[in-house]
Amino acid sequence: MLTGLLGGSFNPAHGGHRRISFFAREALGLDEVWWLVSPGNVLKPVAGMAPLAARFASARRAARGAPIQVTAIEAEAGTRYTLDTLRMLKRRYPKRRFVWLMGTDNLAQFHRWRGWRRIAREMPIAVVARPGYDGRAMTSPAMAWLRRWRRRHSQDFIGAKRSAPALVILRFDPDARSATALRAADPDWYCRVPLVHQSDMLTHRPIGAAARERAR
């Protein structure tokens, strides 16, 4: 099974996340995509971050009927950084092959992530172009280092995806939707999200259970 990993705050999740996932799945021949709903992001302010349960619920709703598994496995495992999460997933699911998916907005600041070079060595990376970020992404310190492993076409990348580092830039019709704009239009969106009977699509544990256990 070849699985794409799309991590993020999903604050809230929206149709743009879904569209990117479908595009990456088709371009790379992925069997499915996992959305990793992060408990938090060390590079983003805490203010304005909705509770995990609400963000998870918005992701479940946005992924409905799609070959997308929504998980908050990072909260259960207690991993704080992407590198630790990817290593944990490879240990737990040794029969799967993974591709890390991210937007050019993340590539522009990838050099600020802890152990970003080690992340690139853990699994291939597919970057989906996002409007307004291409210039910064292409001139970023991370891209300067990753450029030597860039594959010009998705078919070349598919042939190399058993090894890392490997990088491909995927381009398609831009999707201007963003969680930032949605929050600006509706800051209290999470107050109206139903949270009953939520379970993780990978671990099948109730969302929030792991956090409550660690707080005891």
C-alpha atoms as a PDB file:
ATOM      1  CA  MET A   1       0.000   0.000   0.000  1.00  0.00           C
ATOM      2  CA  LEU A   2       1.325   3.400  -1.025  1.00  0.00           C
ATOM      3  CA  THR A   3       0.026   6.084   1.306  1.00  0.00           C
ATOM      4  CA  GLY A   4       0.253   9.852   1.085  1.00  0.00           C
ATOM      5  CA  LEU A   5       0.607  11.710   4.380  1.00  0.00           C
ATOM      6  CA  LEU A   6      -0.879  15.200   4.594  1.00  0.00           C
ATOM      7  CA  GLY A   7      -0.225  16.795   7.958  1.00  0.00           C
ATOM      8  CA  GLY A   8      -1.656  20.021   9.261  1.00  0.00           C
ATOM      9  CA  SER A   9      -3.789  21.850  11.764  1.00  0.00           C
ATOM     10  CA  PHE A  10      -6.963  21.542   9.633  1.00  0.00           C
ATOM     11  CA  ASN A  11      -8.224  24.659  11.383  1.00  0.00           C
ATOM     12  CA  PRO A  12     -10.711  24.072   9.766  1.00  0.00           C
ATOM     13  CA  ALA A  13     -10.443  21.404   7.062  1.00  0.00           C
ATOM     14  CA  HIS A  14     -12.007  22.413   3.746  1.00  0.00           C
ATOM     15  CA  GLY A  15     -12.516  21.428   0.132  1.00  0.00           C
ATOM     16  CA  GLY A  16      -9.027  22.587  -0.809  1.00  0.00           C
ATOM     17  CA  HIS A  17      -7.492  19.857   1.358  1.00  0.00           C
ATOM     18  CA  ARG A  18      -9.742  17.309  -0.324  1.00  0.00           C
ATOM     19  CA  ARG A  19      -8.936  18.549  -3.829  1.00  0.00           C
ATOM     20  CA  ILE A  20      -5.179  18.488  -3.191  1.00  0.00           C
ATOM     21  CA  SER A  21      -5.473  14.948  -1.847  1.00  0.00           C
ATOM     22  CA  PHE A  22      -7.377  13.703  -4.895  1.00  0.00           C
ATOM     23  CA  PHE A  23      -4.893  15.364  -7.241  1.00  0.00           C
ATOM     24  CA  ALA A  24      -1.861  13.903  -5.441  1.00  0.00           C
ATOM     25  CA  ARG A  25      -3.473  10.463  -5.336  1.00  0.00           C
ATOM     26  CA  GLU A  26      -4.016  10.462  -9.096  1.00  0.00           C
ATOM     27  CA  ALA A  27      -0.642  12.004  -9.982  1.00  0.00           C
ATOM     28  CA  LEU A  28       1.379   9.644  -7.779  1.00  0.00           C
ATOM     29  CA  GLY A  29      -0.707   6.485  -7.917  1.00  0.00           C
ATOM     30  CA  LEU A  30      -1.422   6.528  -4.174  1.00  0.00           C
ATOM     31  CA  ASP A  31      -3.735   3.906  -2.719  1.00  0.00           C
ATOM     32  CA  GLU A  32      -5.015   6.363  -0.132  1.00  0.00           C
ATOM     33  CA  VAL A  33      -4.184   9.539   1.748  1.00  0.00           C
ATOM     34  CA  TRP A  34      -3.983   9.974   5.508  1.00  0.00           C
ATOM     35  CA  TRP A  35      -4.764  13.351   7.022  1.00  0.00           C
ATOM     36  CA  LEU A  36      -2.683  13.802  10.171  1.00  0.00           C
ATOM     37  CA  VAL A  37      -4.601  16.280  12.331  1.00  0.00           C
ATOM     38  CA  SER A  38      -1.931  17.810  14.519  1.00  0.00           C
ATOM     39  CA  PRO A  39      -2.496  18.512  18.228  1.00  0.00           C
ATOM     40  CA  GLY A  40      -0.641  21.796  17.601  1.00  0.00           C
ATOM     41  CA  ASN A  41       1.983  23.459  15.449  1.00  0.00           C
ATOM     42  CA  VAL A  42       5.106  24.913  17.039  1.00  0.00           C
ATOM     43  CA  LEU A  43       5.388  27.385  14.128  1.00  0.00           C
ATOM     44  CA  LYS A  44       1.835  28.702  14.517  1.00  0.00           C
ATOM     45  CA  PRO A  45       0.364  30.837  17.319  1.00  0.00           C
ATOM     46  CA  VAL A  46      -1.829  29.121  19.881  1.00  0.00           C
ATOM     47  CA  ALA A  47      -4.361  31.952  19.651  1.00  0.00           C
ATOM     48  CA  GLY A  48      -7.061  31.056  17.144  1.00  0.00           C
ATOM     49  CA  MET A  49      -6.298  27.325  17.214  1.00  0.00           C
ATOM     50  CA  ALA A  50      -9.566  25.435  17.641  1.00  0.00           C
ATOM     51  CA  PRO A  51      -9.713  22.369  19.921  1.00  0.00           C
ATOM     52  CA  LEU A  52      -8.411  19.150  18.417  1.00  0.00           C
ATOM     53  CA  ALA A  53     -11.832  17.484  18.546  1.00  0.00           C
ATOM     54  CA  ALA A  54     -13.405  20.258  16.453  1.00  0.00           C
ATOM     55  CA  ARG A  55     -10.597  20.229  13.905  1.00  0.00           C
ATOM     56  CA  PHE A  56     -10.784  16.440  13.667  1.00  0.00           C
ATOM     57  CA  ALA A  57     -14.550  16.641  13.133  1.00  0.00           C
ATOM     58  CA  SER A  58     -14.147  19.197  10.354  1.00  0.00           C
ATOM     59  CA  ALA A  59     -11.595  16.907   8.685  1.00  0.00           C
ATOM     60  CA  ARG A  60     -13.914  13.891   8.928  1.00  0.00           C
ATOM     61  CA  ARG A  61     -16.663  15.917   7.303  1.00  0.00           C
ATOM     62  CA  ALA A  62     -14.405  17.229   4.505  1.00  0.00           C
ATOM     63  CA  ALA A  63     -13.072  13.717   3.776  1.00  0.00           C
ATOM     64  CA  ARG A  64     -16.461  12.007   3.731  1.00  0.00           C
ATOM     65  CA  GLY A  65     -16.808   9.425   0.957  1.00  0.00           C
ATOM     66  CA  ALA A  66     -13.165   9.780  -0.148  1.00  0.00           C
ATOM     67  CA  PRO A  67     -10.185   7.379   0.072  1.00  0.00           C
ATOM     68  CA  ILE A  68      -8.884   9.484   2.955  1.00  0.00           C
ATOM     69  CA  GLN A  69      -8.226   8.296   6.499  1.00  0.00           C
ATOM     70  CA  VAL A  70      -8.420  11.014   9.151  1.00  0.00           C
ATOM     71  CA  THR A  71      -6.298  10.463  12.236  1.00  0.00           C
ATOM     72  CA  ALA A  72      -5.103  12.258  15.344  1.00  0.00           C
ATOM     73  CA  ILE A  73      -2.485   9.584  15.960  1.00  0.00           C
ATOM     74  CA  GLU A  74       0.090  12.230  16.892  1.00  0.00           C
ATOM     75  CA  ALA A  75      -1.942  13.119  19.988  1.00  0.00           C
ATOM     76  CA  GLU A  76      -2.076   9.456  21.026  1.00  0.00           C
ATOM     77  CA  ALA A  77       1.621   8.824  20.358  1.00  0.00           C
ATOM     78  CA  GLY A  78       2.681  12.088  21.967  1.00  0.00           C
ATOM     79  CA  THR A  79       4.899  13.080  19.045  1.00  0.00           C
ATOM     80  CA  ARG A  80       5.560  16.814  18.854  1.00  0.00           C
ATOM     81  CA  TYR A  81       7.631  17.086  15.691  1.00  0.00           C
ATOM     82  CA  THR A  82       7.015  15.796  12.159  1.00  0.00           C
ATOM     83  CA  LEU A  83      10.239  13.785  12.127  1.00  0.00           C
ATOM     84  CA  ASP A  84       9.160  11.817  15.194  1.00  0.00           C
ATOM     85  CA  THR A  85       5.694  11.265  13.721  1.00  0.00           C
ATOM     86  CA  LEU A  86       7.034   9.883  10.440  1.00  0.00           C
ATOM     87  CA  ARG A  87       9.396   7.508  12.213  1.00  0.00           C
ATOM     88  CA  MET A  88       6.576   6.332  14.460  1.00  0.00           C
ATOM     89  CA  LEU A  89       4.304   5.641  11.477  1.00  0.00           C
ATOM     90  CA  LYS A  90       7.004   3.660   9.694  1.00  0.00           C
ATOM     91  CA  ARG A  91       7.475   1.520  12.812  1.00  0.00           C
ATOM     92  CA  ARG A  92       3.747   0.927  13.284  1.00  0.00           C
ATOM     93  CA  TYR A  93       2.987   0.243   9.616  1.00  0.00           C
ATOM     94  CA  PRO A  94       6.093  -1.484   8.215  1.00  0.00           C
ATOM     95  CA  LYS A  95       4.235  -2.970   5.238  1.00  0.00           C
ATOM     96  CA  ARG A  96       3.235   0.435   3.898  1.00  0.00           C
ATOM     97  CA  ARG A  97       5.229   2.865   1.804  1.00  0.00           C
ATOM     98  CA  PHE A  98       4.717   6.541   2.534  1.00  0.00           C
ATOM     99  CA  VAL A  99       5.017   9.802   0.620  1.00  0.00           C
ATOM    100  CA  TRP A 100       5.015  13.088   2.537  1.00  0.00           C
ATOM    101  CA  LEU A 101       2.660  15.661   0.973  1.00  0.00           C
ATOM    102  CA  MET A 102       2.942  19.383   1.604  1.00  0.00           C
ATOM    103  CA  GLY A 103       2.206  22.709  -0.060  1.00  0.00           C
ATOM    104  CA  THR A 104       4.694  25.249  -1.329  1.00  0.00           C
ATOM    105  CA  ASP A 105       3.763  27.385   1.694  1.00  0.00           C
ATOM    106  CA  ASN A 106       5.375  24.708   3.864  1.00  0.00           C
ATOM    107  CA  LEU A 107       8.342  24.248   1.545  1.00  0.00           C
ATOM    108  CA  ALA A 108       9.078  27.972   1.928  1.00  0.00           C
ATOM    109  CA  GLN A 109       9.625  27.473   5.671  1.00  0.00           C
ATOM    110  CA  PHE A 110      10.689  23.831   5.653  1.00  0.00           C
ATOM    111  CA  HIS A 111      14.192  24.822   6.791  1.00  0.00           C
ATOM    112  CA  ARG A 112      12.661  25.930  10.101  1.00  0.00           C
ATOM    113  CA  TRP A 113      11.301  22.461  10.864  1.00  0.00           C
ATOM    114  CA  ARG A 114      13.249  20.400  13.361  1.00  0.00           C
ATOM    115  CA  GLY A 115      15.385  17.815  11.542  1.00  0.00           C
ATOM    116  CA  TRP A 116      14.101  18.806   8.100  1.00  0.00           C
ATOM    117  CA  ARG A 117      16.973  17.125   6.273  1.00  0.00           C
ATOM    118  CA  ARG A 118      16.278  13.928   8.217  1.00  0.00           C
ATOM    119  CA  ILE A 119      12.600  14.222   7.255  1.00  0.00           C
ATOM    120  CA  ALA A 120      13.660  14.300   3.595  1.00  0.00           C
ATOM    121  CA  ARG A 121      15.713  11.163   4.161  1.00  0.00           C
ATOM    122  CA  GLU A 122      12.810   9.322   5.812  1.00  0.00           C
ATOM    123  CA  MET A 123      10.504   9.333   2.789  1.00  0.00           C
ATOM    124  CA  PRO A 124       9.950  10.967  -0.608  1.00  0.00           C
ATOM    125  CA  ILE A 125       8.303  14.415  -0.607  1.00  0.00           C
ATOM    126  CA  ALA A 126       5.669  15.638  -3.053  1.00  0.00           C
ATOM    127  CA  VAL A 127       5.019  19.392  -2.952  1.00  0.00           C
ATOM    128  CA  VAL A 128       1.726  20.783  -4.247  1.00  0.00           C
ATOM    129  CA  ALA A 129       1.962  24.320  -5.628  1.00  0.00           C
ATOM    130  CA  ARG A 130      -0.152  26.945  -3.839  1.00  0.00           C
ATOM    131  CA  PRO A 131      -0.921  30.440  -5.148  1.00  0.00           C
ATOM    132  CA  GLY A 132       1.428  33.134  -3.873  1.00  0.00           C
ATOM    133  CA  TYR A 133       4.136  30.864  -2.444  1.00  0.00           C
ATOM    134  CA  ASP A 134       6.093  29.624  -5.445  1.00  0.00           C
ATOM    135  CA  GLY A 135       8.721  32.380  -5.377  1.00  0.00           C
ATOM    136  CA  ARG A 136       9.566  31.937  -1.701  1.00  0.00           C
ATOM    137  CA  ALA A 137       9.498  28.156  -1.943  1.00  0.00           C
ATOM    138  CA  MET A 138      11.815  27.950  -4.950  1.00  0.00           C
ATOM    139  CA  THR A 139      14.391  30.279  -3.342  1.00  0.00           C
ATOM    140  CA  SER A 140      14.175  28.829   0.161  1.00  0.00           C
ATOM    141  CA  PRO A 141      17.176  27.269   1.942  1.00  0.00           C
ATOM    142  CA  ALA A 142      15.409  23.898   1.936  1.00  0.00           C
ATOM    143  CA  MET A 143      14.873  23.977  -1.816  1.00  0.00           C
ATOM    144  CA  ALA A 144      18.532  24.875  -2.353  1.00  0.00           C
ATOM    145  CA  TRP A 145      19.448  21.643  -0.539  1.00  0.00           C
ATOM    146  CA  LEU A 146      16.657  19.486  -2.009  1.00  0.00           C
ATOM    147  CA  ARG A 147      17.145  20.603  -5.611  1.00  0.00           C
ATOM    148  CA  ARG A 148      19.716  17.902  -6.326  1.00  0.00           C
ATOM    149  CA  TRP A 149      17.065  15.230  -5.662  1.00  0.00           C
ATOM    150  CA  ARG A 150      14.233  16.901  -7.563  1.00  0.00           C
ATOM    151  CA  ARG A 151      12.386  14.810 -10.122  1.00  0.00           C
ATOM    152  CA  ARG A 152      11.026  16.812 -13.020  1.00  0.00           C
ATOM    153  CA  HIS A 153       7.954  14.663 -13.623  1.00  0.00           C
ATOM    154  CA  SER A 154       5.683  12.639 -11.376  1.00  0.00           C
ATOM    155  CA  GLN A 155       6.489   9.483 -13.378  1.00  0.00           C
ATOM    156  CA  ASP A 156      10.198   9.871 -12.549  1.00  0.00           C
ATOM    157  CA  PHE A 157       9.244  10.406  -8.914  1.00  0.00           C
ATOM    158  CA  ILE A 158       7.068   7.292  -8.874  1.00  0.00           C
ATOM    159  CA  GLY A 159      10.044   5.273 -10.070  1.00  0.00           C
ATOM    160  CA  ALA A 160      12.156   6.664  -7.227  1.00  0.00           C
ATOM    161  CA  LYS A 161       9.676   6.563  -4.381  1.00  0.00           C
ATOM    162  CA  ARG A 162      11.261   3.538  -2.748  1.00  0.00           C
ATOM    163  CA  SER A 163      14.202   5.764  -1.912  1.00  0.00           C
ATOM    164  CA  ALA A 164      14.698   9.137  -0.260  1.00  0.00           C
ATOM    165  CA  PRO A 165      15.539  11.912  -0.592  1.00  0.00           C
ATOM    166  CA  ALA A 166      13.322  12.429  -3.622  1.00  0.00           C
ATOM    167  CA  LEU A 167      11.266  15.535  -4.413  1.00  0.00           C
ATOM    168  CA  VAL A 168       8.633  16.397  -6.994  1.00  0.00           C
ATOM    169  CA  ILE A 169       6.660  19.618  -7.464  1.00  0.00           C
ATOM    170  CA  LEU A 170       3.047  18.959  -8.500  1.00  0.00           C
ATOM    171  CA  ARG A 171       1.197  21.725 -10.327  1.00  0.00           C
ATOM    172  CA  PHE A 172      -2.497  21.923 -11.048  1.00  0.00           C
ATOM    173  CA  ASP A 173      -5.213  24.559 -11.261  1.00  0.00           C
ATOM    174  CA  PRO A 174      -4.674  26.721  -8.162  1.00  0.00           C
ATOM    175  CA  ASP A 175      -7.125  26.378  -5.306  1.00  0.00           C
ATOM    176  CA  ALA A 176      -7.399  29.691  -3.478  1.00  0.00           C
ATOM    177  CA  ARG A 177      -9.306  28.323  -0.494  1.00  0.00           C
ATOM    178  CA  SER A 178      -7.494  28.604   2.829  1.00  0.00           C
ATOM    179  CA  ALA A 179      -8.217  27.909   6.484  1.00  0.00           C
ATOM    180  CA  THR A 180      -6.988  31.418   7.326  1.00  0.00           C
ATOM    181  CA  ALA A 181      -9.679  33.009   5.150  1.00  0.00           C
ATOM    182  CA  LEU A 182     -12.361  30.714   6.551  1.00  0.00           C
ATOM    183  CA  ARG A 183     -11.412  31.632  10.136  1.00  0.00           C
ATOM    184  CA  ALA A 184     -11.425  35.322   9.268  1.00  0.00           C
ATOM    185  CA  ALA A 185     -14.960  35.007   7.907  1.00  0.00           C
ATOM    186  CA  ASP A 186     -16.186  32.843  10.799  1.00  0.00           C
ATOM    187  CA  PRO A 187     -13.903  32.932  13.882  1.00  0.00           C
ATOM    188  CA  ASP A 188     -16.313  30.807  15.954  1.00  0.00           C
ATOM    189  CA  TRP A 189     -16.779  28.053  13.390  1.00  0.00           C
ATOM    190  CA  TYR A 190     -15.706  25.340  15.830  1.00  0.00           C
ATOM    191  CA  CYS A 191     -18.519  26.152  18.265  1.00  0.00           C
ATOM    192  CA  ARG A 192     -21.050  24.693  15.819  1.00  0.00           C
ATOM    193  CA  VAL A 193     -19.224  21.468  14.973  1.00  0.00           C
ATOM    194  CA  PRO A 194     -20.920  18.353  16.431  1.00  0.00           C
ATOM    195  CA  LEU A 195     -18.389  16.302  18.397  1.00  0.00           C
ATOM    196  CA  VAL A 196     -20.363  13.250  19.530  1.00  0.00           C
ATOM    197  CA  HIS A 197     -19.109   9.673  18.976  1.00  0.00           C
ATOM    198  CA  GLN A 198     -15.819  10.536  17.282  1.00  0.00           C
ATOM    199  CA  SER A 199     -13.224   7.829  16.824  1.00  0.00           C
ATOM    200  CA  ASP A 200      -9.867   7.848  15.100  1.00  0.00           C
ATOM    201  CA  MET A 201     -10.004   6.206  11.660  1.00  0.00           C
ATOM    202  CA  LEU A 202      -6.641   4.455  12.196  1.00  0.00           C
ATOM    203  CA  THR A 203      -6.497   3.631  15.886  1.00  0.00           C
ATOM    204  CA  HIS A 204     -10.294   3.527  16.437  1.00  0.00           C
ATOM    205  CA  ARG A 205      -9.788   5.242  19.788  1.00  0.00           C
ATOM    206  CA  PRO A 206     -12.127   8.026  20.904  1.00  0.00           C
ATOM    207  CA  ILE A 207     -10.704  11.428  20.070  1.00  0.00           C
ATOM    208  CA  GLY A 208      -9.414  13.109  23.211  1.00  0.00           C
ATOM    209  CA  ALA A 209      -8.984   9.870  25.161  1.00  0.00           C
ATOM    210  CA  ALA A 210      -5.191   9.858  24.920  1.00  0.00           C
ATOM    211  CA  ALA A 211      -4.935  13.475  26.020  1.00  0.00           C
ATOM    212  CA  ARG A 212      -7.163  12.824  29.027  1.00  0.00           C
ATOM    213  CA  GLU A 213      -5.091   9.797  30.055  1.00  0.00           C
ATOM    214  CA  ARG A 214      -1.822  11.779  29.917  1.00  0.00           C
ATOM    215  CA  ALA A 215      -3.399  14.512  32.050  1.00  0.00           C
ATOM    216  CA  ARG A 216      -4.205  12.055  34.890  1.00  0.00           C
END
